[in-house]
Amino acid sequence: MILDFEPGDKVINPNNKNWGIGQVQSIIKEKVTVNFENVGKKVINCENIELEKIYNNE
């Protein structure tokens, strides 16, 4: 699996939009550590949860 994320990217978890916007901290294999504005740091397994990248023009 190839993830299209880099540290610093902004993402949302479509299953938990109330977490707010998150910033990718690190990526190790399929695990992405994201610091969300409303719930803090979460480790997301991208095999189970698909994050959506936020682009600058959104």
N, C-alpha and C. Protein backbone atom coordinates (compact mmCIF):
# COMPACT_ATOMS: atom_id res chain seq x y z
N MET A 1 0.84 -1.19 0.00
CA MET A 1 0.00 0.00 0.00
C MET A 1 0.88 1.25 0.00
N ILE A 2 0.57 2.17 -0.88
CA ILE A 2 1.31 3.43 -0.94
C ILE A 2 0.39 4.53 -0.44
N LEU A 3 0.84 5.22 0.60
CA LEU A 3 0.05 6.32 1.16
C LEU A 3 0.50 7.63 0.54
N ASP A 4 -0.45 8.48 0.25
CA ASP A 4 -0.18 9.76 -0.39
C ASP A 4 -0.11 10.87 0.65
N PHE A 5 0.63 10.62 1.74
CA PHE A 5 0.76 11.60 2.81
C PHE A 5 2.23 11.84 3.10
N GLU A 6 2.51 13.06 3.54
CA GLU A 6 3.85 13.43 4.01
C GLU A 6 3.67 14.18 5.31
N PRO A 7 4.66 14.15 6.22
CA PRO A 7 4.55 14.97 7.42
C PRO A 7 4.27 16.42 7.07
N GLY A 8 3.32 17.00 7.79
CA GLY A 8 2.91 18.38 7.54
C GLY A 8 1.62 18.50 6.76
N ASP A 9 1.21 17.41 6.07
CA ASP A 9 -0.04 17.44 5.32
C ASP A 9 -1.22 17.61 6.27
N LYS A 10 -2.25 18.29 5.81
CA LYS A 10 -3.49 18.47 6.56
C LYS A 10 -4.49 17.41 6.09
N VAL A 11 -5.16 16.76 7.06
CA VAL A 11 -6.11 15.70 6.75
C VAL A 11 -7.34 15.80 7.64
N ILE A 12 -8.39 15.09 7.24
CA ILE A 12 -9.54 14.89 8.12
C ILE A 12 -9.86 13.40 8.14
N ASN A 13 -10.50 12.97 9.21
CA ASN A 13 -11.01 11.61 9.29
C ASN A 13 -12.50 11.70 8.97
N PRO A 14 -12.92 11.24 7.79
CA PRO A 14 -14.32 11.39 7.40
C PRO A 14 -15.29 10.68 8.34
N ASN A 15 -14.83 9.68 9.09
CA ASN A 15 -15.69 8.97 10.04
C ASN A 15 -15.84 9.74 11.34
N ASN A 16 -14.93 10.68 11.62
CA ASN A 16 -14.96 11.46 12.86
C ASN A 16 -14.63 12.92 12.55
N LYS A 17 -15.49 13.58 11.79
CA LYS A 17 -15.22 14.96 11.38
C LYS A 17 -15.12 15.91 12.57
N ASN A 18 -15.73 15.53 13.71
CA ASN A 18 -15.66 16.38 14.90
C ASN A 18 -14.25 16.41 15.50
N TRP A 19 -13.35 15.54 15.05
CA TRP A 19 -11.95 15.60 15.50
C TRP A 19 -11.29 16.87 14.97
N GLY A 20 -11.83 17.43 13.90
CA GLY A 20 -11.26 18.63 13.30
C GLY A 20 -10.18 18.29 12.30
N ILE A 21 -9.47 19.31 11.89
CA ILE A 21 -8.38 19.15 10.93
C ILE A 21 -7.17 18.63 11.68
N GLY A 22 -6.49 17.67 11.05
CA GLY A 22 -5.29 17.11 11.65
C GLY A 22 -4.08 17.37 10.78
N GLN A 23 -2.92 17.37 11.42
CA GLN A 23 -1.66 17.51 10.70
C GLN A 23 -0.87 16.23 10.86
N VAL A 24 -0.44 15.65 9.74
CA VAL A 24 0.33 14.41 9.76
C VAL A 24 1.67 14.67 10.43
N GLN A 25 2.00 13.84 11.43
CA GLN A 25 3.26 13.96 12.15
C GLN A 25 4.30 12.97 11.62
N SER A 26 3.86 11.70 11.43
CA SER A 26 4.79 10.69 10.93
C SER A 26 4.01 9.58 10.24
N ILE A 27 4.73 8.82 9.42
CA ILE A 27 4.15 7.69 8.70
C ILE A 27 5.13 6.52 8.83
N ILE A 28 4.65 5.43 9.42
CA ILE A 28 5.46 4.21 9.54
C ILE A 28 4.61 3.06 9.03
N LYS A 29 5.01 2.53 7.87
CA LYS A 29 4.23 1.51 7.16
C LYS A 29 2.81 2.01 6.95
N GLU A 30 1.78 1.29 7.44
CA GLU A 30 0.40 1.73 7.23
C GLU A 30 -0.13 2.59 8.37
N LYS A 31 0.72 2.91 9.35
CA LYS A 31 0.28 3.71 10.51
C LYS A 31 0.69 5.18 10.32
N VAL A 32 -0.31 6.05 10.44
CA VAL A 32 -0.09 7.49 10.28
C VAL A 32 -0.42 8.15 11.62
N THR A 33 0.54 8.89 12.18
CA THR A 33 0.29 9.64 13.40
C THR A 33 -0.15 11.04 13.01
N VAL A 34 -1.32 11.44 13.53
CA VAL A 34 -1.92 12.71 13.17
C VAL A 34 -2.26 13.47 14.44
N ASN A 35 -1.94 14.76 14.47
CA ASN A 35 -2.31 15.62 15.60
C ASN A 35 -3.56 16.40 15.18
N PHE A 36 -4.73 16.00 15.74
CA PHE A 36 -6.00 16.64 15.41
C PHE A 36 -6.26 17.81 16.35
N GLU A 37 -6.91 18.86 15.82
CA GLU A 37 -7.12 20.08 16.60
C GLU A 37 -8.04 19.88 17.79
N ASN A 38 -9.00 18.95 17.74
CA ASN A 38 -9.96 18.79 18.83
C ASN A 38 -9.70 17.61 19.75
N VAL A 39 -8.91 16.62 19.31
CA VAL A 39 -8.71 15.42 20.14
C VAL A 39 -7.24 15.07 20.36
N GLY A 40 -6.35 15.87 19.81
CA GLY A 40 -4.92 15.61 20.01
C GLY A 40 -4.38 14.54 19.07
N LYS A 41 -3.32 13.88 19.53
CA LYS A 41 -2.59 12.95 18.68
C LYS A 41 -3.28 11.59 18.62
N LYS A 42 -3.44 11.09 17.40
CA LYS A 42 -4.04 9.78 17.15
C LYS A 42 -3.16 9.02 16.17
N VAL A 43 -3.04 7.71 16.39
CA VAL A 43 -2.35 6.84 15.43
C VAL A 43 -3.44 6.13 14.63
N ILE A 44 -3.43 6.35 13.33
CA ILE A 44 -4.47 5.83 12.44
C ILE A 44 -3.87 4.70 11.60
N ASN A 45 -4.55 3.56 11.60
CA ASN A 45 -4.16 2.46 10.72
C ASN A 45 -4.90 2.66 9.40
N CYS A 46 -4.18 3.02 8.37
CA CYS A 46 -4.81 3.35 7.09
C CYS A 46 -5.33 2.13 6.34
N GLU A 47 -5.11 0.93 6.88
CA GLU A 47 -5.77 -0.24 6.31
C GLU A 47 -7.22 -0.29 6.77
N ASN A 48 -7.54 0.36 7.90
CA ASN A 48 -8.89 0.33 8.46
C ASN A 48 -9.64 1.65 8.29
N ILE A 49 -8.92 2.77 8.32
CA ILE A 49 -9.54 4.09 8.24
C ILE A 49 -8.87 4.87 7.11
N GLU A 50 -9.67 5.40 6.21
CA GLU A 50 -9.12 6.16 5.09
C GLU A 50 -9.21 7.65 5.40
N LEU A 51 -8.05 8.26 5.57
CA LEU A 51 -8.00 9.70 5.81
C LEU A 51 -8.16 10.44 4.49
N GLU A 52 -8.70 11.65 4.56
CA GLU A 52 -8.82 12.49 3.37
C GLU A 52 -7.86 13.66 3.49
N LYS A 53 -7.05 13.82 2.47
CA LYS A 53 -6.09 14.92 2.44
C LYS A 53 -6.80 16.22 2.09
N ILE A 54 -6.43 17.29 2.77
CA ILE A 54 -6.98 18.61 2.49
C ILE A 54 -5.94 19.38 1.68
N TYR A 55 -6.36 19.83 0.52
CA TYR A 55 -5.46 20.59 -0.33
C TYR A 55 -5.66 22.08 -0.08
N ASN A 56 -4.68 22.89 -0.40
CA ASN A 56 -4.71 24.32 -0.12
C ASN A 56 -5.91 25.04 -0.72
N ASN A 57 -6.42 24.54 -1.83
CA ASN A 57 -7.53 25.24 -2.49
C ASN A 57 -8.89 24.79 -1.99
N GLU A 58 -8.96 23.95 -0.95
CA GLU A 58 -10.25 23.52 -0.40
C GLU A 58 -10.66 24.40 0.74
